Structures are given as structure tokens and as C-alpha cells.
Amino acid sequence: MIGIGERVECTPKVRQAIKGASYIEWRRTVLVPRQEYSRELKLAAMREIDSGKGMAEVARMYQLSPKRLETWRSEWRAKGELAFPGKGAQPQSKLNADRISELERKIGQQAMEIDF
């Protein structure tokens, strides 16, 4: 069996071994890296579009597909400056909710300590 993280050549024999695997499993098996774009690049592209430049022009300028820009634009329009948080980043409201939960637990513990 082919393990995740092992480098494998995509030969007909390998294709047969992973036949029926989903596309995501196939990408992991042959280690095709997923393209990642920085938040700064995404914001710069969105600002170019907002300034009136055409989708195709911006796509050529940043060497991106127009479809990718459309995806980014829908997120940009929905979330504004909060769009594209990146890996592991959480919206401020989620961070606040986590902090509130933590503080409520501490208050509860202290109340129990005072009662005893």
C-alpha cells in the first residue's frame, strides 16, 4: 500500500493501484503540491478589480486563472477586509468567543473555590 507522504511515479501500474481513489487521495499519493497564494497577492488583485480593471486583465497581470479570481472576488465581496485569513487564522469573533469561554470557566472555578 502506498503511504501518504511517499513519492511515487504516476505510471500505469500506480494508476491501477489507486484506481477508484478520489481526486484528493490521488493528489496526496503522487504529491502534487497545492498552489498557495499569499493574502497580500489576493488583496492586491481584488483592489485592481475594484479600481475598474477587467477580470482578464488582472488575471494576465498576476498570471492567474480568471476562475480563481472569480472565486476570490466572491469571498472578497462577502467578507471585505476579513477575507483571506490564511492558514490557522481565526476571525476576531471566534477568538473573542474562545476567550470568553475560557474566562467563564475560570470564574466558575473561582466561585466553587470561594464556596468551599
PDB file of N, CA and C in Angstrom:
ATOM      1  N   MET A   1       0.848  -1.187   0.000  1.00  0.00           N
ATOM      2  CA  MET A   1       0.000   0.000   0.000  1.00  0.00           C
ATOM      3  C   MET A   1       0.887   1.242   0.000  1.00  0.00           C
ATOM      4  N   ILE A   2       0.453   2.255  -0.662  1.00  0.00           N
ATOM      5  CA  ILE A   2       1.195   3.500  -0.768  1.00  0.00           C
ATOM      6  C   ILE A   2       0.807   4.384   0.403  1.00  0.00           C
ATOM      7  N   GLY A   3       1.795   4.854   1.147  1.00  0.00           N
ATOM      8  CA  GLY A   3       1.537   5.703   2.302  1.00  0.00           C
ATOM      9  C   GLY A   3       1.532   7.163   1.923  1.00  0.00           C
ATOM     10  N   ILE A   4       0.857   7.942   2.726  1.00  0.00           N
ATOM     11  CA  ILE A   4       0.827   9.385   2.496  1.00  0.00           C
ATOM     12  C   ILE A   4       2.222   9.934   2.757  1.00  0.00           C
ATOM     13  N   GLY A   5       2.670  10.782   1.864  1.00  0.00           N
ATOM     14  CA  GLY A   5       3.981  11.385   2.022  1.00  0.00           C
ATOM     15  C   GLY A   5       5.068  10.675   1.237  1.00  0.00           C
ATOM     16  N   GLU A   6       4.750   9.493   0.672  1.00  0.00           N
ATOM     17  CA  GLU A   6       5.740   8.789  -0.124  1.00  0.00           C
ATOM     18  C   GLU A   6       5.687   9.310  -1.556  1.00  0.00           C
ATOM     19  N   ARG A   7       6.862   9.520  -2.132  1.00  0.00           N
ATOM     20  CA  ARG A   7       6.931   9.990  -3.510  1.00  0.00           C
ATOM     21  C   ARG A   7       6.781   8.790  -4.442  1.00  0.00           C
ATOM     22  N   VAL A   8       5.858   8.929  -5.404  1.00  0.00           N
ATOM     23  CA  VAL A   8       5.542   7.830  -6.297  1.00  0.00           C
ATOM     24  C   VAL A   8       5.442   8.366  -7.708  1.00  0.00           C
ATOM     25  N   GLU A   9       5.973   7.604  -8.656  1.00  0.00           N
ATOM     26  CA  GLU A   9       5.817   7.987 -10.049  1.00  0.00           C
ATOM     27  C   GLU A   9       4.440   7.549 -10.515  1.00  0.00           C
ATOM     28  N   CYS A  10       3.817   8.335 -11.346  1.00  0.00           N
ATOM     29  CA  CYS A  10       2.475   8.012 -11.804  1.00  0.00           C
ATOM     30  C   CYS A  10       2.576   7.220 -13.107  1.00  0.00           C
ATOM     31  N   THR A  11       2.735   5.928 -12.951  1.00  0.00           N
ATOM     32  CA  THR A  11       2.810   5.000 -14.071  1.00  0.00           C
ATOM     33  C   THR A  11       1.476   4.271 -14.185  1.00  0.00           C
ATOM     34  N   PRO A  12       1.256   3.568 -15.279  1.00  0.00           N
ATOM     35  CA  PRO A  12       0.002   2.814 -15.386  1.00  0.00           C
ATOM     36  C   PRO A  12      -0.211   1.847 -14.215  1.00  0.00           C
ATOM     37  N   LYS A  13       0.871   1.251 -13.715  1.00  0.00           N
ATOM     38  CA  LYS A  13       0.747   0.331 -12.588  1.00  0.00           C
ATOM     39  C   LYS A  13       0.274   1.069 -11.332  1.00  0.00           C
ATOM     40  N   VAL A  14       0.826   2.260 -11.099  1.00  0.00           N
ATOM     41  CA  VAL A  14       0.421   3.055  -9.943  1.00  0.00           C
ATOM     42  C   VAL A  14      -1.021   3.508 -10.111  1.00  0.00           C
ATOM     43  N   ARG A  15      -1.376   3.933 -11.318  1.00  0.00           N
ATOM     44  CA  ARG A  15      -2.757   4.341 -11.563  1.00  0.00           C
ATOM     45  C   ARG A  15      -3.723   3.210 -11.245  1.00  0.00           C
ATOM     46  N   GLN A  16      -3.339   1.988 -11.594  1.00  0.00           N
ATOM     47  CA  GLN A  16      -4.176   0.828 -11.309  1.00  0.00           C
ATOM     48  C   GLN A  16      -4.286   0.620  -9.800  1.00  0.00           C
ATOM     49  N   ALA A  17      -3.194   0.850  -9.066  1.00  0.00           N
ATOM     50  CA  ALA A  17      -3.192   0.646  -7.615  1.00  0.00           C
ATOM     51  C   ALA A  17      -4.107   1.638  -6.917  1.00  0.00           C
ATOM     52  N   ILE A  18      -4.214   2.822  -7.479  1.00  0.00           N
ATOM     53  CA  ILE A  18      -5.049   3.827  -6.823  1.00  0.00           C
ATOM     54  C   ILE A  18      -6.369   4.027  -7.555  1.00  0.00           C
ATOM     55  N   LYS A  19      -6.705   3.089  -8.440  1.00  0.00           N
ATOM     56  CA  LYS A  19      -7.957   3.184  -9.187  1.00  0.00           C
ATOM     57  C   LYS A  19      -9.125   3.240  -8.202  1.00  0.00           C
ATOM     58  N   GLY A  20     -10.017   4.130  -8.445  1.00  0.00           N
ATOM     59  CA  GLY A  20     -11.161   4.282  -7.567  1.00  0.00           C
ATOM     60  C   GLY A  20     -10.929   5.292  -6.459  1.00  0.00           C
ATOM     61  N   ALA A  21      -9.692   5.729  -6.306  1.00  0.00           N
ATOM     62  CA  ALA A  21      -9.399   6.727  -5.275  1.00  0.00           C
ATOM     63  C   ALA A  21      -9.954   8.067  -5.725  1.00  0.00           C
ATOM     64  N   SER A  22     -10.341   8.871  -4.780  1.00  0.00           N
ATOM     65  CA  SER A  22     -10.847  10.197  -5.119  1.00  0.00           C
ATOM     66  C   SER A  22      -9.691  11.055  -5.637  1.00  0.00           C
ATOM     67  N   TYR A  23     -10.039  12.166  -6.235  1.00  0.00           N
ATOM     68  CA  TYR A  23      -9.032  13.061  -6.774  1.00  0.00           C
ATOM     69  C   TYR A  23      -8.096  13.558  -5.683  1.00  0.00           C
ATOM     70  N   ILE A  24      -8.662  13.890  -4.513  1.00  0.00           N
ATOM     71  CA  ILE A  24      -7.840  14.380  -3.412  1.00  0.00           C
ATOM     72  C   ILE A  24      -6.862  13.304  -2.960  1.00  0.00           C
ATOM     73  N   GLU A  25      -7.334  12.069  -2.836  1.00  0.00           N
ATOM     74  CA  GLU A  25      -6.434  10.973  -2.457  1.00  0.00           C
ATOM     75  C   GLU A  25      -5.342  10.799  -3.499  1.00  0.00           C
ATOM     76  N   TRP A  26      -5.693  10.925  -4.778  1.00  0.00           N
ATOM     77  CA  TRP A  26      -4.712  10.785  -5.842  1.00  0.00           C
ATOM     78  C   TRP A  26      -3.649  11.869  -5.733  1.00  0.00           C
ATOM     79  N   ARG A  27      -4.071  13.125  -5.492  1.00  0.00           N
ATOM     80  CA  ARG A  27      -3.101  14.223  -5.366  1.00  0.00           C
ATOM     81  C   ARG A  27      -2.149  13.980  -4.215  1.00  0.00           C
ATOM     82  N   ARG A  28      -2.677  13.473  -3.088  1.00  0.00           N
ATOM     83  CA  ARG A  28      -1.827  13.200  -1.939  1.00  0.00           C
ATOM     84  C   ARG A  28      -0.843  12.088  -2.252  1.00  0.00           C
ATOM     85  N   THR A  29      -1.274  11.103  -3.008  1.00  0.00           N
ATOM     86  CA  THR A  29      -0.440   9.951  -3.317  1.00  0.00           C
ATOM     87  C   THR A  29       0.743  10.342  -4.195  1.00  0.00           C
ATOM     88  N   VAL A  30       0.506  11.135  -5.200  1.00  0.00           N
ATOM     89  CA  VAL A  30       1.584  11.489  -6.114  1.00  0.00           C
ATOM     90  C   VAL A  30       2.261  12.800  -5.732  1.00  0.00           C
ATOM     91  N   LEU A  31       1.868  13.355  -4.597  1.00  0.00           N
ATOM     92  CA  LEU A  31       2.498  14.560  -4.056  1.00  0.00           C
ATOM     93  C   LEU A  31       2.497  15.730  -5.032  1.00  0.00           C
ATOM     94  N   VAL A  32       1.350  15.984  -5.628  1.00  0.00           N
ATOM     95  CA  VAL A  32       1.207  17.170  -6.455  1.00  0.00           C
ATOM     96  C   VAL A  32       0.920  18.317  -5.497  1.00  0.00           C
ATOM     97  N   PRO A  33       1.830  19.263  -5.377  1.00  0.00           N
ATOM     98  CA  PRO A  33       1.619  20.328  -4.393  1.00  0.00           C
ATOM     99  C   PRO A  33       0.443  21.219  -4.772  1.00  0.00           C
ATOM    100  N   ARG A  34      -0.297  21.623  -3.772  1.00  0.00           N
ATOM    101  CA  ARG A  34      -1.404  22.535  -3.993  1.00  0.00           C
ATOM    102  C   ARG A  34      -0.844  23.942  -4.041  1.00  0.00           C
ATOM    103  N   GLN A  35      -1.267  24.688  -5.046  1.00  0.00           N
ATOM    104  CA  GLN A  35      -0.785  26.058  -5.200  1.00  0.00           C
ATOM    105  C   GLN A  35      -1.351  26.926  -4.090  1.00  0.00           C
ATOM    106  N   GLU A  36      -0.507  27.707  -3.440  1.00  0.00           N
ATOM    107  CA  GLU A  36      -0.942  28.606  -2.378  1.00  0.00           C
ATOM    108  C   GLU A  36      -0.569  30.031  -2.759  1.00  0.00           C
ATOM    109  N   TYR A  37      -1.461  30.949  -2.420  1.00  0.00           N
ATOM    110  CA  TYR A  37      -1.250  32.347  -2.732  1.00  0.00           C
ATOM    111  C   TYR A  37      -1.321  33.159  -1.446  1.00  0.00           C
ATOM    112  N   SER A  38      -0.487  34.146  -1.337  1.00  0.00           N
ATOM    113  CA  SER A  38      -0.460  34.964  -0.122  1.00  0.00           C
ATOM    114  C   SER A  38      -1.700  35.857  -0.055  1.00  0.00           C
ATOM    115  N   ARG A  39      -2.015  36.249   1.156  1.00  0.00           N
ATOM    116  CA  ARG A  39      -3.149  37.157   1.368  1.00  0.00           C
ATOM    117  C   ARG A  39      -2.887  38.479   0.654  1.00  0.00           C
ATOM    118  N   GLU A  40      -1.651  38.925   0.672  1.00  0.00           N
ATOM    119  CA  GLU A  40      -1.300  40.203   0.046  1.00  0.00           C
ATOM    120  C   GLU A  40      -1.572  40.170  -1.461  1.00  0.00           C
ATOM    121  N   LEU A  41      -1.232  39.039  -2.111  1.00  0.00           N
ATOM    122  CA  LEU A  41      -1.471  38.905  -3.550  1.00  0.00           C
ATOM    123  C   LEU A  41      -2.970  38.939  -3.825  1.00  0.00           C
ATOM    124  N   LYS A  42      -3.749  38.224  -3.026  1.00  0.00           N
ATOM    125  CA  LYS A  42      -5.196  38.190  -3.220  1.00  0.00           C
ATOM    126  C   LYS A  42      -5.796  39.579  -3.049  1.00  0.00           C
ATOM    127  N   LEU A  43      -5.373  40.276  -1.993  1.00  0.00           N
ATOM    128  CA  LEU A  43      -5.899  41.628  -1.761  1.00  0.00           C
ATOM    129  C   LEU A  43      -5.495  42.587  -2.880  1.00  0.00           C
ATOM    130  N   ALA A  44      -4.267  42.477  -3.342  1.00  0.00           N
ATOM    131  CA  ALA A  44      -3.812  43.348  -4.433  1.00  0.00           C
ATOM    132  C   ALA A  44      -4.633  43.103  -5.695  1.00  0.00           C
ATOM    133  N   ALA A  45      -4.894  41.841  -5.997  1.00  0.00           N
ATOM    134  CA  ALA A  45      -5.691  41.512  -7.181  1.00  0.00           C
ATOM    135  C   ALA A  45      -7.115  42.043  -7.032  1.00  0.00           C
ATOM    136  N   MET A  46      -7.690  41.914  -5.845  1.00  0.00           N
ATOM    137  CA  MET A  46      -9.059  42.400  -5.626  1.00  0.00           C
ATOM    138  C   MET A  46      -9.131  43.920  -5.719  1.00  0.00           C
ATOM    139  N   ARG A  47      -8.114  44.590  -5.243  1.00  0.00           N
ATOM    140  CA  ARG A  47      -8.097  46.061  -5.332  1.00  0.00           C
ATOM    141  C   ARG A  47      -7.972  46.514  -6.786  1.00  0.00           C
ATOM    142  N   GLU A  48      -7.214  45.751  -7.575  1.00  0.00           N
ATOM    143  CA  GLU A  48      -7.110  46.064  -9.008  1.00  0.00           C
ATOM    144  C   GLU A  48      -8.474  45.935  -9.677  1.00  0.00           C
ATOM    145  N   ILE A  49      -9.200  44.874  -9.343  1.00  0.00           N
ATOM    146  CA  ILE A  49     -10.528  44.670  -9.920  1.00  0.00           C
ATOM    147  C   ILE A  49     -11.471  45.787  -9.467  1.00  0.00           C
ATOM    148  N   ASP A  50     -11.392  46.134  -8.175  1.00  0.00           N
ATOM    149  CA  ASP A  50     -12.244  47.206  -7.654  1.00  0.00           C
ATOM    150  C   ASP A  50     -11.927  48.553  -8.287  1.00  0.00           C
ATOM    151  N   SER A  51     -10.678  48.743  -8.737  1.00  0.00           N
ATOM    152  CA  SER A  51     -10.308  50.020  -9.349  1.00  0.00           C
ATOM    153  C   SER A  51     -10.838  50.159 -10.776  1.00  0.00           C
ATOM    154  N   GLY A  52     -11.443  49.077 -11.289  1.00  0.00           N
ATOM    155  CA  GLY A  52     -12.067  49.171 -12.606  1.00  0.00           C
ATOM    156  C   GLY A  52     -11.400  48.341 -13.685  1.00  0.00           C
ATOM    157  N   LYS A  53     -10.315  47.682 -13.377  1.00  0.00           N
ATOM    158  CA  LYS A  53      -9.659  46.842 -14.376  1.00  0.00           C
ATOM    159  C   LYS A  53     -10.484  45.588 -14.605  1.00  0.00           C
ATOM    160  N   GLY A  54     -10.391  45.062 -15.803  1.00  0.00           N
ATOM    161  CA  GLY A  54     -11.147  43.865 -16.160  1.00  0.00           C
ATOM    162  C   GLY A  54     -10.562  42.607 -15.528  1.00  0.00           C
ATOM    163  N   MET A  55     -11.417  41.599 -15.397  1.00  0.00           N
ATOM    164  CA  MET A  55     -11.014  40.336 -14.798  1.00  0.00           C
ATOM    165  C   MET A  55      -9.873  39.692 -15.605  1.00  0.00           C
ATOM    166  N   ALA A  56     -10.000  39.689 -16.926  1.00  0.00           N
ATOM    167  CA  ALA A  56      -8.972  39.074 -17.774  1.00  0.00           C
ATOM    168  C   ALA A  56      -7.644  39.823 -17.664  1.00  0.00           C
ATOM    169  N   GLU A  57      -7.715  41.138 -17.606  1.00  0.00           N
ATOM    170  CA  GLU A  57      -6.500  41.949 -17.497  1.00  0.00           C
ATOM    171  C   GLU A  57      -5.760  41.658 -16.190  1.00  0.00           C
ATOM    172  N   VAL A  58      -6.511  41.598 -15.092  1.00  0.00           N
ATOM    173  CA  VAL A  58      -5.896  41.313 -13.790  1.00  0.00           C
ATOM    174  C   VAL A  58      -5.356  39.880 -13.775  1.00  0.00           C
ATOM    175  N   ALA A  59      -6.088  38.952 -14.381  1.00  0.00           N
ATOM    176  CA  ALA A  59      -5.636  37.563 -14.440  1.00  0.00           C
ATOM    177  C   ALA A  59      -4.300  37.468 -15.180  1.00  0.00           C
ATOM    178  N   ARG A  60      -4.181  38.183 -16.285  1.00  0.00           N
ATOM    179  CA  ARG A  60      -2.912  38.177 -17.024  1.00  0.00           C
ATOM    180  C   ARG A  60      -1.804  38.843 -16.222  1.00  0.00           C
ATOM    181  N   MET A  61      -2.133  39.950 -15.560  1.00  0.00           N
ATOM    182  CA  MET A  61      -1.143  40.703 -14.801  1.00  0.00           C
ATOM    183  C   MET A  61      -0.533  39.845 -13.688  1.00  0.00           C
ATOM    184  N   TYR A  62      -1.372  39.071 -12.994  1.00  0.00           N
ATOM    185  CA  TYR A  62      -0.898  38.258 -11.874  1.00  0.00           C
ATOM    186  C   TYR A  62      -0.680  36.787 -12.245  1.00  0.00           C
ATOM    187  N   GLN A  63      -0.861  36.473 -13.529  1.00  0.00           N
ATOM    188  CA  GLN A  63      -0.695  35.109 -14.036  1.00  0.00           C
ATOM    189  C   GLN A  63      -1.565  34.110 -13.268  1.00  0.00           C
ATOM    190  N   LEU A  64      -2.846  34.446 -13.184  1.00  0.00           N
ATOM    191  CA  LEU A  64      -3.841  33.616 -12.512  1.00  0.00           C
ATOM    192  C   LEU A  64      -4.957  33.300 -13.488  1.00  0.00           C
ATOM    193  N   SER A  65      -5.746  32.287 -13.161  1.00  0.00           N
ATOM    194  CA  SER A  65      -6.902  31.992 -13.999  1.00  0.00           C
ATOM    195  C   SER A  65      -8.053  32.912 -13.611  1.00  0.00           C
ATOM    196  N   PRO A  66      -8.841  33.323 -14.588  1.00  0.00           N
ATOM    197  CA  PRO A  66      -9.999  34.160 -14.275  1.00  0.00           C
ATOM    198  C   PRO A  66     -10.970  33.471 -13.307  1.00  0.00           C
ATOM    199  N   LYS A  67     -11.078  32.152 -13.388  1.00  0.00           N
ATOM    200  CA  LYS A  67     -11.967  31.415 -12.486  1.00  0.00           C
ATOM    201  C   LYS A  67     -11.498  31.560 -11.041  1.00  0.00           C
ATOM    202  N   ARG A  68     -10.190  31.488 -10.815  1.00  0.00           N
ATOM    203  CA  ARG A  68      -9.656  31.654  -9.466  1.00  0.00           C
ATOM    204  C   ARG A  68      -9.966  33.063  -8.951  1.00  0.00           C
ATOM    205  N   LEU A  69      -9.820  34.060  -9.822  1.00  0.00           N
ATOM    206  CA  LEU A  69     -10.138  35.436  -9.429  1.00  0.00           C
ATOM    207  C   LEU A  69     -11.620  35.591  -9.096  1.00  0.00           C
ATOM    208  N   GLU A  70     -12.489  34.899  -9.845  1.00  0.00           N
ATOM    209  CA  GLU A  70     -13.922  34.961  -9.553  1.00  0.00           C
ATOM    210  C   GLU A  70     -14.212  34.392  -8.171  1.00  0.00           C
ATOM    211  N   THR A  71     -13.543  33.300  -7.831  1.00  0.00           N
ATOM    212  CA  THR A  71     -13.716  32.691  -6.512  1.00  0.00           C
ATOM    213  C   THR A  71     -13.270  33.657  -5.428  1.00  0.00           C
ATOM    214  N   TRP A  72     -12.110  34.249  -5.617  1.00  0.00           N
ATOM    215  CA  TRP A  72     -11.589  35.210  -4.644  1.00  0.00           C
ATOM    216  C   TRP A  72     -12.511  36.422  -4.542  1.00  0.00           C
ATOM    217  N   ARG A  73     -13.035  36.883  -5.689  1.00  0.00           N
ATOM    218  CA  ARG A  73     -13.889  38.067  -5.689  1.00  0.00           C
ATOM    219  C   ARG A  73     -15.176  37.820  -4.901  1.00  0.00           C
ATOM    220  N   SER A  74     -15.737  36.608  -5.017  1.00  0.00           N
ATOM    221  CA  SER A  74     -16.963  36.326  -4.263  1.00  0.00           C
ATOM    222  C   SER A  74     -16.684  36.352  -2.756  1.00  0.00           C
ATOM    223  N   GLU A  75     -15.523  35.826  -2.345  1.00  0.00           N
ATOM    224  CA  GLU A  75     -15.162  35.885  -0.922  1.00  0.00           C
ATOM    225  C   GLU A  75     -14.896  37.333  -0.502  1.00  0.00           C
ATOM    226  N   TRP A  76     -14.235  38.082  -1.350  1.00  0.00           N
ATOM    227  CA  TRP A  76     -13.913  39.484  -1.075  1.00  0.00           C
ATOM    228  C   TRP A  76     -15.180  40.304  -0.893  1.00  0.00           C
ATOM    229  N   ARG A  77     -16.168  40.074  -1.764  1.00  0.00           N
ATOM    230  CA  ARG A  77     -17.422  40.830  -1.670  1.00  0.00           C
ATOM    231  C   ARG A  77     -18.231  40.427  -0.446  1.00  0.00           C
ATOM    232  N   ALA A  78     -18.127  39.155  -0.063  1.00  0.00           N
ATOM    233  CA  ALA A  78     -18.894  38.679   1.088  1.00  0.00           C
ATOM    234  C   ALA A  78     -18.288  39.136   2.413  1.00  0.00           C
ATOM    235  N   LYS A  79     -16.952  39.161   2.488  1.00  0.00           N
ATOM    236  CA  LYS A  79     -16.289  39.414   3.773  1.00  0.00           C
ATOM    237  C   LYS A  79     -15.490  40.702   3.835  1.00  0.00           C
ATOM    238  N   GLY A  80     -15.209  41.320   2.715  1.00  0.00           N
ATOM    239  CA  GLY A  80     -14.434  42.561   2.711  1.00  0.00           C
ATOM    240  C   GLY A  80     -13.013  42.343   3.215  1.00  0.00           C
ATOM    241  N   GLU A  81     -12.546  43.205   4.088  1.00  0.00           N
ATOM    242  CA  GLU A  81     -11.168  43.134   4.590  1.00  0.00           C
ATOM    243  C   GLU A  81     -10.905  41.891   5.444  1.00  0.00           C
ATOM    244  N   LEU A  82     -11.963  41.217   5.900  1.00  0.00           N
ATOM    245  CA  LEU A  82     -11.782  39.991   6.685  1.00  0.00           C
ATOM    246  C   LEU A  82     -11.580  38.764   5.797  1.00  0.00           C
ATOM    247  N   ALA A  83     -11.662  38.945   4.495  1.00  0.00           N
ATOM    248  CA  ALA A  83     -11.479  37.828   3.564  1.00  0.00           C
ATOM    249  C   ALA A  83     -10.023  37.366   3.579  1.00  0.00           C
ATOM    250  N   PHE A  84      -9.818  36.127   3.197  1.00  0.00           N
ATOM    251  CA  PHE A  84      -8.490  35.523   3.062  1.00  0.00           C
ATOM    252  C   PHE A  84      -7.694  35.530   4.370  1.00  0.00           C
ATOM    253  N   PRO A  85      -8.195  34.899   5.421  1.00  0.00           N
ATOM    254  CA  PRO A  85      -7.479  34.933   6.698  1.00  0.00           C
ATOM    255  C   PRO A  85      -6.199  34.108   6.708  1.00  0.00           C
ATOM    256  N   GLY A  86      -6.044  33.165   5.799  1.00  0.00           N
ATOM    257  CA  GLY A  86      -4.834  32.354   5.771  1.00  0.00           C
ATOM    258  C   GLY A  86      -4.952  31.118   6.637  1.00  0.00           C
ATOM    259  N   LYS A  87      -3.890  30.356   6.697  1.00  0.00           N
ATOM    260  CA  LYS A  87      -3.891  29.115   7.462  1.00  0.00           C
ATOM    261  C   LYS A  87      -3.915  29.410   8.952  1.00  0.00           C
ATOM    262  N   GLY A  88      -4.805  28.753   9.648  1.00  0.00           N
ATOM    263  CA  GLY A  88      -4.830  28.838  11.087  1.00  0.00           C
ATOM    264  C   GLY A  88      -5.356  30.139  11.658  1.00  0.00           C
ATOM    265  N   ALA A  89      -5.568  31.111  10.830  1.00  0.00           N
ATOM    266  CA  ALA A  89      -6.084  32.378  11.343  1.00  0.00           C
ATOM    267  C   ALA A  89      -7.577  32.235  11.598  1.00  0.00           C
ATOM    268  N   GLN A  90      -8.024  32.807  12.683  1.00  0.00           N
ATOM    269  CA  GLN A  90      -9.435  32.759  13.017  1.00  0.00           C
ATOM    270  C   GLN A  90      -9.979  34.171  13.029  1.00  0.00           C
ATOM    271  N   PRO A  91     -11.239  34.314  12.623  1.00  0.00           N
ATOM    272  CA  PRO A  91     -11.829  35.649  12.717  1.00  0.00           C
ATOM    273  C   PRO A  91     -11.820  36.131  14.161  1.00  0.00           C
ATOM    274  N   GLN A  92     -11.796  37.425  14.341  1.00  0.00           N
ATOM    275  CA  GLN A  92     -11.720  38.002  15.681  1.00  0.00           C
ATOM    276  C   GLN A  92     -12.879  37.547  16.553  1.00  0.00           C
ATOM    277  N   SER A  93     -14.068  37.397  15.973  1.00  0.00           N
ATOM    278  CA  SER A  93     -15.228  36.979  16.765  1.00  0.00           C
ATOM    279  C   SER A  93     -15.021  35.585  17.351  1.00  0.00           C
ATOM    280  N   LYS A  94     -14.382  34.690  16.592  1.00  0.00           N
ATOM    281  CA  LYS A  94     -14.101  33.340  17.099  1.00  0.00           C
ATOM    282  C   LYS A  94     -13.084  33.415  18.234  1.00  0.00           C
ATOM    283  N   LEU A  95     -12.060  34.241  18.068  1.00  0.00           N
ATOM    284  CA  LEU A  95     -11.066  34.405  19.126  1.00  0.00           C
ATOM    285  C   LEU A  95     -11.708  34.980  20.382  1.00  0.00           C
ATOM    286  N   ASN A  96     -12.592  35.970  20.211  1.00  0.00           N
ATOM    287  CA  ASN A  96     -13.283  36.551  21.355  1.00  0.00           C
ATOM    288  C   ASN A  96     -14.163  35.526  22.047  1.00  0.00           C
ATOM    289  N   ALA A  97     -14.871  34.712  21.276  1.00  0.00           N
ATOM    290  CA  ALA A  97     -15.750  33.692  21.860  1.00  0.00           C
ATOM    291  C   ALA A  97     -14.935  32.681  22.660  1.00  0.00           C
ATOM    292  N   ASP A  98     -13.782  32.282  22.133  1.00  0.00           N
ATOM    293  CA  ASP A  98     -12.917  31.348  22.855  1.00  0.00           C
ATOM    294  C   ASP A  98     -12.419  31.972  24.160  1.00  0.00           C
ATOM    295  N   ARG A  99     -12.040  33.226  24.107  1.00  0.00           N
ATOM    296  CA  ARG A  99     -11.546  33.915  25.298  1.00  0.00           C
ATOM    297  C   ARG A  99     -12.654  34.054  26.349  1.00  0.00           C
ATOM    298  N   ILE A 100     -13.854  34.373  25.898  1.00  0.00           N
ATOM    299  CA  ILE A 100     -14.991  34.493  26.816  1.00  0.00           C
ATOM    300  C   ILE A 100     -15.260  33.156  27.494  1.00  0.00           C
ATOM    301  N   SER A 101     -15.234  32.070  26.728  1.00  0.00           N
ATOM    302  CA  SER A 101     -15.456  30.738  27.307  1.00  0.00           C
ATOM    303  C   SER A 101     -14.407  30.423  28.366  1.00  0.00           C
ATOM    304  N   GLU A 102     -13.157  30.749  28.054  1.00  0.00           N
ATOM    305  CA  GLU A 102     -12.064  30.492  28.993  1.00  0.00           C
ATOM    306  C   GLU A 102     -12.265  31.289  30.290  1.00  0.00           C
ATOM    307  N   LEU A 103     -12.617  32.557  30.166  1.00  0.00           N
ATOM    308  CA  LEU A 103     -12.824  33.396  31.344  1.00  0.00           C
ATOM    309  C   LEU A 103     -14.031  32.932  32.171  1.00  0.00           C
ATOM    310  N   GLU A 104     -15.090  32.488  31.497  1.00  0.00           N
ATOM    311  CA  GLU A 104     -16.258  31.975  32.216  1.00  0.00           C
ATOM    312  C   GLU A 104     -15.907  30.723  33.017  1.00  0.00           C
ATOM    313  N   ARG A 105     -15.069  29.853  32.448  1.00  0.00           N
ATOM    314  CA  ARG A 105     -14.622  28.654  33.181  1.00  0.00           C
ATOM    315  C   ARG A 105     -13.840  29.056  34.430  1.00  0.00           C
ATOM    316  N   LYS A 106     -12.955  30.038  34.276  1.00  0.00           N
ATOM    317  CA  LYS A 106     -12.158  30.487  35.422  1.00  0.00           C
ATOM    318  C   LYS A 106     -13.051  31.080  36.508  1.00  0.00           C
ATOM    319  N   ILE A 107     -14.041  31.852  36.114  1.00  0.00           N
ATOM    320  CA  ILE A 107     -14.964  32.436  37.087  1.00  0.00           C
ATOM    321  C   ILE A 107     -15.711  31.332  37.825  1.00  0.00           C
ATOM    322  N   GLY A 108     -16.149  30.327  37.091  1.00  0.00           N
ATOM    323  CA  GLY A 108     -16.849  29.204  37.706  1.00  0.00           C
ATOM    324  C   GLY A 108     -15.968  28.467  38.707  1.00  0.00           C
ATOM    325  N   GLN A 109     -14.695  28.255  38.327  1.00  0.00           N
ATOM    326  CA  GLN A 109     -13.768  27.569  39.225  1.00  0.00           C
ATOM    327  C   GLN A 109     -13.538  28.402  40.490  1.00  0.00           C
ATOM    328  N   GLN A 110     -13.352  29.698  40.339  1.00  0.00           N
ATOM    329  CA  GLN A 110     -13.133  30.566  41.483  1.00  0.00           C
ATOM    330  C   GLN A 110     -14.358  30.627  42.385  1.00  0.00           C
ATOM    331  N   ALA A 111     -15.536  30.626  41.789  1.00  0.00           N
ATOM    332  CA  ALA A 111     -16.766  30.627  42.593  1.00  0.00           C
ATOM    333  C   ALA A 111     -16.864  29.349  43.418  1.00  0.00           C
ATOM    334  N   MET A 112     -16.463  28.226  42.823  1.00  0.00           N
ATOM    335  CA  MET A 112     -16.501  26.967  43.561  1.00  0.00           C
ATOM    336  C   MET A 112     -15.482  26.979  44.701  1.00  0.00           C
ATOM    337  N   GLU A 113     -14.315  27.559  44.461  1.00  0.00           N
ATOM    338  CA  GLU A 113     -13.266  27.637  45.499  1.00  0.00           C
ATOM    339  C   GLU A 113     -13.730  28.524  46.666  1.00  0.00           C
ATOM    340  N   ILE A 114     -14.419  29.593  46.357  1.00  0.00           N
ATOM    341  CA  ILE A 114     -14.909  30.501  47.401  1.00  0.00           C
ATOM    342  C   ILE A 114     -15.979  29.807  48.247  1.00  0.00           C
ATOM    343  N   ASP A 115     -16.845  29.013  47.612  1.00  0.00           N
ATOM    344  CA  ASP A 115     -17.918  28.316  48.327  1.00  0.00           C
ATOM    345  C   ASP A 115     -17.365  27.297  49.319  1.00  0.00           C
ATOM    346  N   PHE A 116     -16.203  26.751  49.084  1.00  0.00           N
ATOM    347  CA  PHE A 116     -15.661  25.719  49.983  1.00  0.00           C
ATOM    348  C   PHE A 116     -14.878  26.311  51.060  1.00  0.00           C
TER     349      PHE A 116
END
